[in-house]
Amino acid sequence: MDTATVKGLLQSHMPDCEFHVQGEGSHYDIAAIGDVFEGLRPVKKQQLVYAALSDHIADGSIHAVNIRTYTPDQWQAQAQA
């Protein structure tokens, strides 16, 4: 699996979000940006993103993911830091 495929899976599951995916093989770093994360607890944010990848995690094609979630305001603020 490659980063474009992972990004496509995420975008089809969460079309209102922006994703930045890095990695190779079965290990990926994902930055997810969207209003959907506003007011959610960290575990719920992770669950939303994992849901898009769960079948591929279960079959082993994705082994490890590092997920960072941001609202658009948080993303903008960290980009300026």
PDB file of N, CA and C in Angstrom:
ATOM      1  N   MET A   1       0.850  -1.175   0.000  1.00  0.00           N
ATOM      2  CA  MET A   1       0.000   0.000   0.000  1.00  0.00           C
ATOM      3  C   MET A   1       0.896   1.239   0.000  1.00  0.00           C
ATOM      4  N   ASP A   2       0.480   2.286  -0.701  1.00  0.00           N
ATOM      5  CA  ASP A   2       1.268   3.510  -0.749  1.00  0.00           C
ATOM      6  C   ASP A   2       0.483   4.679  -0.129  1.00  0.00           C
ATOM      7  N   THR A   3       1.140   5.826  -0.009  1.00  0.00           N
ATOM      8  CA  THR A   3       0.518   6.972   0.658  1.00  0.00           C
ATOM      9  C   THR A   3      -0.718   7.468  -0.093  1.00  0.00           C
ATOM     10  N   ALA A   4      -0.693   7.406  -1.417  1.00  0.00           N
ATOM     11  CA  ALA A   4      -1.852   7.862  -2.200  1.00  0.00           C
ATOM     12  C   ALA A   4      -3.068   6.986  -1.925  1.00  0.00           C
ATOM     13  N   THR A   5      -2.851   5.693  -1.771  1.00  0.00           N
ATOM     14  CA  THR A   5      -3.955   4.780  -1.472  1.00  0.00           C
ATOM     15  C   THR A   5      -4.519   5.047  -0.088  1.00  0.00           C
ATOM     16  N   VAL A   6      -3.632   5.238   0.884  1.00  0.00           N
ATOM     17  CA  VAL A   6      -4.075   5.537   2.256  1.00  0.00           C
ATOM     18  C   VAL A   6      -4.860   6.846   2.262  1.00  0.00           C
ATOM     19  N   LYS A   7      -4.341   7.849   1.593  1.00  0.00           N
ATOM     20  CA  LYS A   7      -5.027   9.143   1.534  1.00  0.00           C
ATOM     21  C   LYS A   7      -6.395   8.995   0.876  1.00  0.00           C
ATOM     22  N   GLY A   8      -6.486   8.213  -0.188  1.00  0.00           N
ATOM     23  CA  GLY A   8      -7.764   7.973  -0.856  1.00  0.00           C
ATOM     24  C   GLY A   8      -8.772   7.298   0.058  1.00  0.00           C
ATOM     25  N   LEU A   9      -8.329   6.322   0.843  1.00  0.00           N
ATOM     26  CA  LEU A   9      -9.218   5.659   1.798  1.00  0.00           C
ATOM     27  C   LEU A   9      -9.761   6.659   2.818  1.00  0.00           C
ATOM     28  N   LEU A  10      -8.867   7.489   3.320  1.00  0.00           N
ATOM     29  CA  LEU A  10      -9.271   8.488   4.313  1.00  0.00           C
ATOM     30  C   LEU A  10     -10.249   9.500   3.714  1.00  0.00           C
ATOM     31  N   GLN A  11      -9.958   9.987   2.522  1.00  0.00           N
ATOM     32  CA  GLN A  11     -10.815  10.994   1.897  1.00  0.00           C
ATOM     33  C   GLN A  11     -12.183  10.437   1.543  1.00  0.00           C
ATOM     34  N   SER A  12     -12.247   9.173   1.162  1.00  0.00           N
ATOM     35  CA  SER A  12     -13.554   8.603   0.830  1.00  0.00           C
ATOM     36  C   SER A  12     -14.397   8.404   2.083  1.00  0.00           C
ATOM     37  N   HIS A  13     -13.748   8.179   3.222  1.00  0.00           N
ATOM     38  CA  HIS A  13     -14.465   7.977   4.486  1.00  0.00           C
ATOM     39  C   HIS A  13     -14.817   9.308   5.153  1.00  0.00           C
ATOM     40  N   MET A  14     -13.964  10.312   4.974  1.00  0.00           N
ATOM     41  CA  MET A  14     -14.147  11.614   5.612  1.00  0.00           C
ATOM     42  C   MET A  14     -13.920  12.711   4.575  1.00  0.00           C
ATOM     43  N   PRO A  15     -14.872  12.894   3.646  1.00  0.00           N
ATOM     44  CA  PRO A  15     -14.654  13.814   2.523  1.00  0.00           C
ATOM     45  C   PRO A  15     -14.523  15.288   2.907  1.00  0.00           C
ATOM     46  N   ASP A  16     -14.954  15.656   4.086  1.00  0.00           N
ATOM     47  CA  ASP A  16     -14.865  17.062   4.491  1.00  0.00           C
ATOM     48  C   ASP A  16     -13.554  17.394   5.197  1.00  0.00           C
ATOM     49  N   CYS A  17     -12.634  16.450   5.221  1.00  0.00           N
ATOM     50  CA  CYS A  17     -11.351  16.660   5.888  1.00  0.00           C
ATOM     51  C   CYS A  17     -10.215  16.724   4.875  1.00  0.00           C
ATOM     52  N   GLU A  18      -9.127  17.310   5.325  1.00  0.00           N
ATOM     53  CA  GLU A  18      -7.891  17.360   4.549  1.00  0.00           C
ATOM     54  C   GLU A  18      -6.912  16.398   5.215  1.00  0.00           C
ATOM     55  N   PHE A  19      -6.141  15.664   4.426  1.00  0.00           N
ATOM     56  CA  PHE A  19      -5.200  14.698   4.971  1.00  0.00           C
ATOM     57  C   PHE A  19      -3.817  14.889   4.386  1.00  0.00           C
ATOM     58  N   HIS A  20      -2.816  14.729   5.242  1.00  0.00           N
ATOM     59  CA  HIS A  20      -1.420  14.701   4.832  1.00  0.00           C
ATOM     60  C   HIS A  20      -0.884  13.353   5.304  1.00  0.00           C
ATOM     61  N   VAL A  21      -0.434  12.533   4.366  1.00  0.00           N
ATOM     62  CA  VAL A  21       0.009  11.179   4.683  1.00  0.00           C
ATOM     63  C   VAL A  21       1.462  11.012   4.263  1.00  0.00           C
ATOM     64  N   GLN A  22       2.272  10.502   5.187  1.00  0.00           N
ATOM     65  CA  GLN A  22       3.663  10.188   4.902  1.00  0.00           C
ATOM     66  C   GLN A  22       3.928   8.772   5.383  1.00  0.00           C
ATOM     67  N   GLY A  23       4.901   8.138   4.799  1.00  0.00           N
ATOM     68  CA  GLY A  23       5.287   6.807   5.226  1.00  0.00           C
ATOM     69  C   GLY A  23       5.486   5.903   4.044  1.00  0.00           C
ATOM     70  N   GLU A  24       5.720   4.637   4.360  1.00  0.00           N
ATOM     71  CA  GLU A  24       5.915   3.649   3.304  1.00  0.00           C
ATOM     72  C   GLU A  24       5.689   2.270   3.889  1.00  0.00           C
ATOM     73  N   GLY A  25       5.540   1.320   3.004  1.00  0.00           N
ATOM     74  CA  GLY A  25       5.313  -0.044   3.444  1.00  0.00           C
ATOM     75  C   GLY A  25       3.998  -0.161   4.188  1.00  0.00           C
ATOM     76  N   SER A  26       4.089  -0.421   5.470  1.00  0.00           N
ATOM     77  CA  SER A  26       2.867  -0.571   6.273  1.00  0.00           C
ATOM     78  C   SER A  26       2.834   0.393   7.451  1.00  0.00           C
ATOM     79  N   HIS A  27       3.704   1.415   7.462  1.00  0.00           N
ATOM     80  CA  HIS A  27       3.770   2.388   8.549  1.00  0.00           C
ATOM     81  C   HIS A  27       3.502   3.791   7.998  1.00  0.00           C
ATOM     82  N   TYR A  28       2.553   4.502   8.609  1.00  0.00           N
ATOM     83  CA  TYR A  28       2.146   5.806   8.081  1.00  0.00           C
ATOM     84  C   TYR A  28       1.963   6.839   9.183  1.00  0.00           C
ATOM     85  N   ASP A  29       2.322   8.063   8.859  1.00  0.00           N
ATOM     86  CA  ASP A  29       2.044   9.234   9.691  1.00  0.00           C
ATOM     87  C   ASP A  29       0.937  10.005   8.998  1.00  0.00           C
ATOM     88  N   ILE A  30      -0.134  10.277   9.735  1.00  0.00           N
ATOM     89  CA  ILE A  30      -1.313  10.929   9.159  1.00  0.00           C
ATOM     90  C   ILE A  30      -1.634  12.189   9.949  1.00  0.00           C
ATOM     91  N   ALA A  31      -1.767  13.291   9.239  1.00  0.00           N
ATOM     92  CA  ALA A  31      -2.306  14.526   9.818  1.00  0.00           C
ATOM     93  C   ALA A  31      -3.693  14.708   9.202  1.00  0.00           C
ATOM     94  N   ALA A  32      -4.697  14.781  10.058  1.00  0.00           N
ATOM     95  CA  ALA A  32      -6.078  14.941   9.612  1.00  0.00           C
ATOM     96  C   ALA A  32      -6.585  16.293  10.087  1.00  0.00           C
ATOM     97  N   ILE A  33      -7.118  17.085   9.159  1.00  0.00           N
ATOM     98  CA  ILE A  33      -7.583  18.429   9.472  1.00  0.00           C
ATOM     99  C   ILE A  33      -9.050  18.548   9.091  1.00  0.00           C
ATOM    100  N   GLY A  34      -9.883  18.945  10.050  1.00  0.00           N
ATOM    101  CA  GLY A  34     -11.295  19.114   9.734  1.00  0.00           C
ATOM    102  C   GLY A  34     -12.095  19.655  10.898  1.00  0.00           C
ATOM    103  N   ASP A  35     -13.195  20.305  10.577  1.00  0.00           N
ATOM    104  CA  ASP A  35     -14.093  20.827  11.601  1.00  0.00           C
ATOM    105  C   ASP A  35     -14.718  19.703  12.430  1.00  0.00           C
ATOM    106  N   VAL A  36     -14.757  18.508  11.885  1.00  0.00           N
ATOM    107  CA  VAL A  36     -15.363  17.362  12.569  1.00  0.00           C
ATOM    108  C   VAL A  36     -14.668  17.079  13.909  1.00  0.00           C
ATOM    109  N   PHE A  37     -13.418  17.496  14.076  1.00  0.00           N
ATOM    110  CA  PHE A  37     -12.674  17.221  15.296  1.00  0.00           C
ATOM    111  C   PHE A  37     -12.949  18.216  16.421  1.00  0.00           C
ATOM    112  N   GLU A  38     -13.655  19.278  16.114  1.00  0.00           N
ATOM    113  CA  GLU A  38     -13.951  20.319  17.102  1.00  0.00           C
ATOM    114  C   GLU A  38     -14.719  19.737  18.292  1.00  0.00           C
ATOM    115  N   GLY A  39     -14.183  19.933  19.481  1.00  0.00           N
ATOM    116  CA  GLY A  39     -14.869  19.539  20.704  1.00  0.00           C
ATOM    117  C   GLY A  39     -14.826  18.061  21.049  1.00  0.00           C
ATOM    118  N   LEU A  40     -14.156  17.256  20.241  1.00  0.00           N
ATOM    119  CA  LEU A  40     -14.087  15.818  20.518  1.00  0.00           C
ATOM    120  C   LEU A  40     -12.898  15.495  21.413  1.00  0.00           C
ATOM    121  N   ARG A  41     -13.053  14.430  22.193  1.00  0.00           N
ATOM    122  CA  ARG A  41     -11.941  13.948  23.009  1.00  0.00           C
ATOM    123  C   ARG A  41     -10.937  13.249  22.099  1.00  0.00           C
ATOM    124  N   PRO A  42      -9.672  13.200  22.516  1.00  0.00           N
ATOM    125  CA  PRO A  42      -8.636  12.604  21.665  1.00  0.00           C
ATOM    126  C   PRO A  42      -8.961  11.185  21.191  1.00  0.00           C
ATOM    127  N   VAL A  43      -9.522  10.361  22.049  1.00  0.00           N
ATOM    128  CA  VAL A  43      -9.837   8.987  21.646  1.00  0.00           C
ATOM    129  C   VAL A  43     -10.869   8.972  20.524  1.00  0.00           C
ATOM    130  N   LYS A  44     -11.873   9.810  20.605  1.00  0.00           N
ATOM    131  CA  LYS A  44     -12.908   9.860  19.568  1.00  0.00           C
ATOM    132  C   LYS A  44     -12.324  10.325  18.234  1.00  0.00           C
ATOM    133  N   LYS A  45     -11.404  11.290  18.292  1.00  0.00           N
ATOM    134  CA  LYS A  45     -10.746  11.763  17.068  1.00  0.00           C
ATOM    135  C   LYS A  45      -9.995  10.620  16.392  1.00  0.00           C
ATOM    136  N   GLN A  46      -9.244   9.866  17.198  1.00  0.00           N
ATOM    137  CA  GLN A  46      -8.493   8.734  16.664  1.00  0.00           C
ATOM    138  C   GLN A  46      -9.430   7.691  16.056  1.00  0.00           C
ATOM    139  N   GLN A  47     -10.532   7.416  16.742  1.00  0.00           N
ATOM    140  CA  GLN A  47     -11.485   6.419  16.265  1.00  0.00           C
ATOM    141  C   GLN A  47     -12.069   6.793  14.907  1.00  0.00           C
ATOM    142  N   LEU A  48     -12.333   8.074  14.702  1.00  0.00           N
ATOM    143  CA  LEU A  48     -12.870   8.514  13.414  1.00  0.00           C
ATOM    144  C   LEU A  48     -11.910   8.187  12.277  1.00  0.00           C
ATOM    145  N   VAL A  49     -10.641   8.430  12.502  1.00  0.00           N
ATOM    146  CA  VAL A  49      -9.647   8.186  11.461  1.00  0.00           C
ATOM    147  C   VAL A  49      -9.397   6.678  11.296  1.00  0.00           C
ATOM    148  N   TYR A  50      -9.268   5.968  12.405  1.00  0.00           N
ATOM    149  CA  TYR A  50      -9.051   4.515  12.343  1.00  0.00           C
ATOM    150  C   TYR A  50     -10.177   3.802  11.596  1.00  0.00           C
ATOM    151  N   ALA A  51     -11.399   4.293  11.713  1.00  0.00           N
ATOM    152  CA  ALA A  51     -12.543   3.645  11.064  1.00  0.00           C
ATOM    153  C   ALA A  51     -12.332   3.523   9.553  1.00  0.00           C
ATOM    154  N   ALA A  52     -11.680   4.512   8.961  1.00  0.00           N
ATOM    155  CA  ALA A  52     -11.439   4.477   7.512  1.00  0.00           C
ATOM    156  C   ALA A  52     -10.406   3.433   7.128  1.00  0.00           C
ATOM    157  N   LEU A  53      -9.578   3.041   8.085  1.00  0.00           N
ATOM    158  CA  LEU A  53      -8.457   2.146   7.792  1.00  0.00           C
ATOM    159  C   LEU A  53      -8.602   0.771   8.428  1.00  0.00           C
ATOM    160  N   SER A  54      -9.655   0.549   9.174  1.00  0.00           N
ATOM    161  CA  SER A  54      -9.778  -0.649  10.008  1.00  0.00           C
ATOM    162  C   SER A  54      -9.642  -1.958   9.236  1.00  0.00           C
ATOM    163  N   ASP A  55     -10.231  -2.057   8.057  1.00  0.00           N
ATOM    164  CA  ASP A  55     -10.123  -3.297   7.283  1.00  0.00           C
ATOM    165  C   ASP A  55      -8.671  -3.581   6.884  1.00  0.00           C
ATOM    166  N   HIS A  56      -7.940  -2.529   6.563  1.00  0.00           N
ATOM    167  CA  HIS A  56      -6.553  -2.687   6.121  1.00  0.00           C
ATOM    168  C   HIS A  56      -5.609  -2.923   7.296  1.00  0.00           C
ATOM    169  N   ILE A  57      -5.979  -2.420   8.463  1.00  0.00           N
ATOM    170  CA  ILE A  57      -5.215  -2.734   9.677  1.00  0.00           C
ATOM    171  C   ILE A  57      -5.455  -4.202  10.037  1.00  0.00           C
ATOM    172  N   ALA A  58      -6.699  -4.642   9.939  1.00  0.00           N
ATOM    173  CA  ALA A  58      -7.055  -6.024  10.274  1.00  0.00           C
ATOM    174  C   ALA A  58      -6.367  -7.033   9.362  1.00  0.00           C
ATOM    175  N   ASP A  59      -6.233  -6.693   8.067  1.00  0.00           N
ATOM    176  CA  ASP A  59      -5.611  -7.661   7.148  1.00  0.00           C
ATOM    177  C   ASP A  59      -4.087  -7.540   7.085  1.00  0.00           C
ATOM    178  N   GLY A  60      -3.533  -6.584   7.847  1.00  0.00           N
ATOM    179  CA  GLY A  60      -2.084  -6.452   7.939  1.00  0.00           C
ATOM    180  C   GLY A  60      -1.430  -5.582   6.887  1.00  0.00           C
ATOM    181  N   SER A  61      -2.195  -5.068   5.927  1.00  0.00           N
ATOM    182  CA  SER A  61      -1.580  -4.219   4.910  1.00  0.00           C
ATOM    183  C   SER A  61      -1.165  -2.862   5.480  1.00  0.00           C
ATOM    184  N   ILE A  62      -1.784  -2.471   6.593  1.00  0.00           N
ATOM    185  CA  ILE A  62      -1.323  -1.318   7.374  1.00  0.00           C
ATOM    186  C   ILE A  62      -0.997  -1.853   8.762  1.00  0.00           C
ATOM    187  N   HIS A  63       0.239  -1.666   9.171  1.00  0.00           N
ATOM    188  CA  HIS A  63       0.668  -2.208  10.457  1.00  0.00           C
ATOM    189  C   HIS A  63       0.649  -1.152  11.558  1.00  0.00           C
ATOM    190  N   ALA A  64       1.105   0.043  11.237  1.00  0.00           N
ATOM    191  CA  ALA A  64       1.208   1.083  12.255  1.00  0.00           C
ATOM    192  C   ALA A  64       0.830   2.438  11.671  1.00  0.00           C
ATOM    193  N   VAL A  65       0.077   3.207  12.443  1.00  0.00           N
ATOM    194  CA  VAL A  65      -0.266   4.568  12.053  1.00  0.00           C
ATOM    195  C   VAL A  65      -0.045   5.504  13.232  1.00  0.00           C
ATOM    196  N   ASN A  66       0.442   6.665  12.919  1.00  0.00           N
ATOM    197  CA  ASN A  66       0.576   7.736  13.889  1.00  0.00           C
ATOM    198  C   ASN A  66      -0.374   8.825  13.412  1.00  0.00           C
ATOM    199  N   ILE A  67      -1.411   9.103  14.188  1.00  0.00           N
ATOM    200  CA  ILE A  67      -2.454  10.031  13.764  1.00  0.00           C
ATOM    201  C   ILE A  67      -2.399  11.296  14.606  1.00  0.00           C
ATOM    202  N   ARG A  68      -2.370  12.419  13.923  1.00  0.00           N
ATOM    203  CA  ARG A  68      -2.501  13.726  14.572  1.00  0.00           C
ATOM    204  C   ARG A  68      -3.729  14.390  13.969  1.00  0.00           C
ATOM    205  N   THR A  69      -4.606  14.875  14.814  1.00  0.00           N
ATOM    206  CA  THR A  69      -5.834  15.507  14.333  1.00  0.00           C
ATOM    207  C   THR A  69      -5.847  16.981  14.728  1.00  0.00           C
ATOM    208  N   TYR A  70      -6.414  17.787  13.846  1.00  0.00           N
ATOM    209  CA  TYR A  70      -6.463  19.231  14.047  1.00  0.00           C
ATOM    210  C   TYR A  70      -7.782  19.782  13.527  1.00  0.00           C
ATOM    211  N   THR A  71      -8.268  20.821  14.177  1.00  0.00           N
ATOM    212  CA  THR A  71      -9.307  21.632  13.556  1.00  0.00           C
ATOM    213  C   THR A  71      -8.564  22.554  12.578  1.00  0.00           C
ATOM    214  N   PRO A  72      -9.260  23.178  11.634  1.00  0.00           N
ATOM    215  CA  PRO A  72      -8.560  24.100  10.719  1.00  0.00           C
ATOM    216  C   PRO A  72      -7.812  25.215  11.466  1.00  0.00           C
ATOM    217  N   ASP A  73      -8.396  25.736  12.548  1.00  0.00           N
ATOM    218  CA  ASP A  73      -7.713  26.787  13.318  1.00  0.00           C
ATOM    219  C   ASP A  73      -6.445  26.259  13.984  1.00  0.00           C
ATOM    220  N   GLN A  74      -6.507  25.043  14.527  1.00  0.00           N
ATOM    221  CA  GLN A  74      -5.328  24.448  15.151  1.00  0.00           C
ATOM    222  C   GLN A  74      -4.233  24.194  14.115  1.00  0.00           C
ATOM    223  N   TRP A  75      -4.630  23.736  12.930  1.00  0.00           N
ATOM    224  CA  TRP A  75      -3.670  23.480  11.862  1.00  0.00           C
ATOM    225  C   TRP A  75      -2.964  24.768  11.446  1.00  0.00           C
ATOM    226  N   GLN A  76      -3.740  25.811  11.305  1.00  0.00           N
ATOM    227  CA  GLN A  76      -3.178  27.107  10.913  1.00  0.00           C
ATOM    228  C   GLN A  76      -2.211  27.609  11.991  1.00  0.00           C
ATOM    229  N   ALA A  77      -2.606  27.473  13.253  1.00  0.00           N
ATOM    230  CA  ALA A  77      -1.765  27.946  14.353  1.00  0.00           C
ATOM    231  C   ALA A  77      -0.450  27.173  14.431  1.00  0.00           C
ATOM    232  N   GLN A  78      -0.485  25.870  14.247  1.00  0.00           N
ATOM    233  CA  GLN A  78       0.761  25.101  14.337  1.00  0.00           C
ATOM    234  C   GLN A  78       1.626  25.343  13.120  1.00  0.00           C
ATOM    235  N   ALA A  79       1.048  25.684  11.988  1.00  0.00           N
ATOM    236  CA  ALA A  79       1.833  25.979  10.794  1.00  0.00           C
ATOM    237  C   ALA A  79       2.594  27.290  10.949  1.00  0.00           C
ATOM    238  N   GLN A  80       2.045  28.202  11.748  1.00  0.00           N
ATOM    239  CA  GLN A  80       2.683  29.498  11.958  1.00  0.00           C
ATOM    240  C   GLN A  80       3.681  29.475  13.111  1.00  0.00           C
ATOM    241  N   ALA A  81       3.653  28.416  13.900  1.00  0.00           N
ATOM    242  CA  ALA A  81       4.538  28.341  15.076  1.00  0.00           C
ATOM    243  C   ALA A  81       5.962  28.044  14.690  1.00  0.00           C
TER     244      ALA A  81
END
